[in-house]
Amino acid sequence: MATVSQPLGLWSLIQAHHVLQAGGVIAYPTEAVWGLGCDPYNEAALDRILQIKQRDMAKGMLLVASDIEQIEYLLGGVTAEQRAKMAASWQAGQRPTTWLVPHRGLVPSLVHGRFDTVAVRVSQHQGIQALCEQFGGPIVSTSANFSGHPAAINPLQVRKFLGAHLDFIVPGELGGAAKPSRIIDAVTDRVIRD
């Protein structure tokens, strides 16, 4: 059974870190909706998220990080100009933006799905930043919902619909964004979701 505890603090971060390292699945607040997360290099955890969401593995999942250094290894397929555009979109005060970059075989197939790209975002949400810093790298971020249904927007909805399937629910608040991040292909500049 999932656990909801006191406001986000050191104990919650340590607990989330242990769950992620042990291959567990967490729920946590993001900029606009609640998300599900796991270690992006743990195949069993990735598979569990897909099963919980009843999501097609071909769709892939995005990675969220606390800073650009955490995803530096994934940016080798973009130019300096493209990287600068990405970095500018991740500054404080900007709309949350996820970029598609060539994955170059550096992430598991359950992360990139049927695509040649992987979706990455540096978050300005303090809770996500703290989670990723504690974990020491990016984590999976996919909406907390059953595939095709609205995403959870509060912890009550997370507990009601998904709680029995989760290992930990990280306390915290949404970041105030009106809708989930826009998604842009870093190489082509094509907007996939606005």
Protein backbone atom coordinates (compact mmCIF):
# COMPACT_ATOMS: atom_id res chain seq x y z
CA MET A 1 0.00 0.00 0.00
CA ALA A 2 1.28 3.47 -0.88
CA THR A 3 2.22 5.89 1.82
CA VAL A 4 1.52 9.60 2.09
CA SER A 5 3.45 11.38 4.80
CA GLN A 6 4.40 14.74 6.19
CA PRO A 7 5.26 17.71 3.92
CA LEU A 8 8.26 17.16 1.66
CA GLY A 9 11.35 17.02 3.77
CA LEU A 10 14.51 15.02 4.20
CA TRP A 11 12.66 11.89 5.37
CA SER A 12 10.43 11.91 2.27
CA LEU A 13 13.40 12.41 -0.04
CA ILE A 14 15.34 9.58 1.58
CA GLN A 15 12.29 7.30 1.42
CA ALA A 16 11.70 8.11 -2.27
CA HIS A 17 15.39 7.53 -2.99
CA HIS A 18 15.31 4.10 -1.34
CA VAL A 19 12.15 3.12 -3.23
CA LEU A 20 13.65 4.23 -6.57
CA GLN A 21 16.93 2.40 -5.91
CA ALA A 22 15.03 -0.76 -4.94
CA GLY A 23 13.16 -0.75 -8.26
CA GLY A 24 9.95 0.68 -6.86
CA VAL A 25 7.41 3.06 -8.39
CA ILE A 26 6.57 6.43 -6.85
CA ALA A 27 3.94 9.09 -7.49
CA TYR A 28 4.98 12.72 -7.19
CA PRO A 29 3.68 16.20 -8.04
CA THR A 30 4.99 17.82 -11.22
CA GLU A 31 4.44 21.22 -12.78
CA ALA A 32 0.81 20.54 -13.85
CA VAL A 33 -0.31 17.00 -12.88
CA TRP A 34 0.80 14.15 -10.67
CA GLY A 35 3.35 11.83 -12.22
CA LEU A 36 4.64 8.31 -11.80
CA GLY A 37 8.36 7.74 -11.61
CA CYS A 38 11.02 5.08 -11.38
CA ASP A 39 14.67 4.42 -12.12
CA PRO A 40 14.91 4.73 -15.93
CA TYR A 41 17.48 1.93 -16.07
CA ASN A 42 15.50 -0.63 -14.08
CA GLU A 43 13.60 -2.74 -16.63
CA ALA A 44 11.32 -4.34 -14.02
CA ALA A 45 10.31 -0.91 -12.66
CA LEU A 46 9.67 0.40 -16.19
CA ASP A 47 7.53 -2.63 -16.93
CA ARG A 48 5.58 -2.09 -13.71
CA ILE A 49 4.74 1.49 -14.68
CA LEU A 50 3.48 0.30 -18.06
CA GLN A 51 1.35 -2.33 -16.35
CA ILE A 52 -0.02 0.12 -13.76
CA LYS A 53 -0.96 2.61 -16.47
CA GLN A 54 -2.02 -0.08 -18.96
CA ARG A 55 0.16 1.86 -21.41
CA ASP A 56 1.46 0.65 -24.77
CA MET A 57 5.22 0.08 -24.45
CA ALA A 58 5.73 1.56 -27.94
CA LYS A 59 4.78 5.04 -26.65
CA GLY A 60 7.86 5.44 -24.46
CA MET A 61 8.21 7.63 -21.38
CA LEU A 62 10.03 10.86 -20.64
CA LEU A 63 12.91 11.58 -18.31
CA VAL A 64 12.96 14.53 -15.94
CA ALA A 65 16.10 15.97 -14.34
CA SER A 66 17.09 18.60 -11.80
CA ASP A 67 19.65 20.26 -14.08
CA ILE A 68 21.15 19.91 -17.52
CA GLU A 69 24.22 18.10 -16.17
CA GLN A 70 22.06 15.11 -15.23
CA ILE A 71 21.07 14.58 -18.87
CA GLU A 72 24.30 15.79 -20.47
CA TYR A 73 25.10 12.26 -21.68
CA LEU A 74 21.89 12.29 -23.75
CA LEU A 75 22.62 15.55 -25.57
CA GLY A 76 25.40 14.29 -27.85
CA GLY A 77 22.99 14.10 -30.77
CA VAL A 78 22.10 17.80 -30.79
CA THR A 79 24.05 20.83 -31.98
CA ALA A 80 25.32 23.61 -29.71
CA GLU A 81 22.57 25.86 -31.08
CA GLN A 82 19.86 23.29 -30.35
CA ARG A 83 21.28 22.69 -26.88
CA ALA A 84 21.26 26.45 -26.17
CA LYS A 85 17.60 26.64 -27.19
CA MET A 86 16.79 23.76 -24.87
CA ALA A 87 18.72 25.30 -21.98
CA ALA A 88 16.94 28.65 -22.46
CA SER A 89 13.54 26.94 -22.26
CA TRP A 90 14.51 25.35 -18.94
CA GLN A 91 15.24 28.63 -17.17
CA ALA A 92 13.09 29.75 -14.24
CA GLY A 93 9.84 31.37 -15.31
CA GLN A 94 9.62 29.54 -18.64
CA ARG A 95 6.77 27.25 -19.59
CA PRO A 96 7.67 23.60 -18.86
CA THR A 97 9.13 22.17 -22.07
CA THR A 98 10.11 18.62 -22.94
CA TRP A 99 12.53 18.09 -25.81
CA LEU A 100 12.96 15.04 -28.00
CA VAL A 101 16.63 14.22 -28.62
CA PRO A 102 18.21 11.26 -30.44
CA HIS A 103 18.60 8.50 -27.84
CA ARG A 104 21.63 6.88 -29.55
CA GLY A 105 20.96 3.61 -27.69
CA LEU A 106 21.64 5.21 -24.30
CA VAL A 107 18.26 4.46 -22.71
CA PRO A 108 16.24 1.24 -22.46
CA SER A 109 13.70 0.53 -25.18
CA LEU A 110 10.85 0.88 -22.69
CA VAL A 111 11.92 4.52 -22.22
CA HIS A 112 12.23 5.46 -25.90
CA GLY A 113 9.48 3.16 -27.16
CA ARG A 114 9.24 2.89 -30.93
CA PHE A 115 11.05 6.21 -31.42
CA ASP A 116 14.60 7.17 -32.34
CA THR A 117 14.38 9.92 -29.73
CA VAL A 118 14.02 10.15 -25.97
CA ALA A 119 11.96 12.86 -24.26
CA VAL A 120 13.88 14.91 -21.66
CA ARG A 121 13.04 17.86 -19.44
CA VAL A 122 14.87 19.85 -16.81
CA SER A 123 12.25 20.82 -14.26
CA GLN A 124 11.98 24.03 -12.29
CA HIS A 125 9.63 22.29 -9.82
CA GLN A 126 11.47 22.29 -6.48
CA GLY A 127 10.15 18.90 -5.45
CA ILE A 128 11.29 17.27 -8.70
CA GLN A 129 14.67 18.96 -8.43
CA ALA A 130 15.07 17.63 -4.89
CA LEU A 131 14.01 14.10 -5.95
CA CYS A 132 16.44 13.99 -8.87
CA GLU A 133 19.28 15.45 -6.80
CA GLN A 134 18.69 12.89 -4.07
CA PHE A 135 18.49 10.08 -6.64
CA GLY A 136 21.61 11.36 -8.42
CA GLY A 137 20.15 11.46 -11.93
CA PRO A 138 17.03 11.70 -14.05
CA ILE A 139 13.90 9.73 -13.25
CA VAL A 140 10.97 8.60 -15.36
CA SER A 141 8.06 11.01 -15.49
CA THR A 142 4.72 9.88 -16.88
CA SER A 143 1.28 11.09 -15.87
CA ALA A 144 -0.38 9.35 -12.93
CA ASN A 145 -3.39 7.82 -14.64
CA PHE A 146 -4.65 4.84 -16.53
CA SER A 147 -3.84 5.27 -20.21
CA GLY A 148 -6.51 7.34 -21.93
CA HIS A 149 -7.93 8.75 -18.67
CA PRO A 150 -7.34 12.20 -17.13
CA ALA A 151 -4.18 12.57 -15.06
CA ALA A 152 -4.45 12.86 -11.28
CA ILE A 153 -4.31 16.45 -10.07
CA ASN A 154 -4.20 15.80 -6.31
CA PRO A 155 -2.97 13.12 -3.90
CA LEU A 156 -6.53 11.94 -3.21
CA GLN A 157 -6.97 10.97 -6.88
CA VAL A 158 -3.57 9.26 -6.89
CA ARG A 159 -4.50 7.19 -3.83
CA LYS A 160 -8.00 6.41 -5.10
CA PHE A 161 -7.03 5.18 -8.55
CA LEU A 162 -3.42 4.01 -8.25
CA GLY A 163 -2.51 3.85 -4.57
CA ALA A 164 -2.64 0.08 -4.24
CA HIS A 165 -0.09 -0.25 -7.07
CA LEU A 166 2.47 2.26 -5.78
CA ASP A 167 5.36 1.95 -3.35
CA PHE A 168 5.43 5.59 -2.19
CA ILE A 169 3.54 8.84 -2.76
CA VAL A 170 5.82 11.84 -2.39
CA PRO A 171 4.04 14.68 -0.57
CA GLY A 172 3.96 18.07 -2.24
CA GLU A 173 2.09 20.51 -4.41
CA LEU A 174 1.71 20.91 -8.16
CA GLY A 175 3.79 23.65 -9.74
CA GLY A 176 0.87 25.74 -10.99
CA ALA A 177 1.25 25.12 -14.74
CA ALA A 178 -2.09 25.11 -16.57
CA LYS A 179 -1.27 21.99 -18.61
CA PRO A 180 1.45 19.38 -19.04
CA SER A 181 4.72 20.40 -20.70
CA ARG A 182 4.85 21.17 -24.37
CA ILE A 183 6.93 18.71 -26.38
CA ILE A 184 9.29 19.83 -29.16
CA ASP A 185 11.64 17.83 -31.38
CA ALA A 186 15.05 19.41 -30.76
CA VAL A 187 16.39 18.50 -34.22
CA THR A 188 13.42 19.53 -36.38
CA ASP A 189 11.81 22.15 -34.09
CA ARG A 190 8.47 20.44 -34.73
CA VAL A 191 5.99 20.96 -31.88
CA ILE A 192 4.56 17.56 -30.94
CA ARG A 193 2.33 18.83 -28.12
CA ASP A 194 1.60 22.46 -27.36
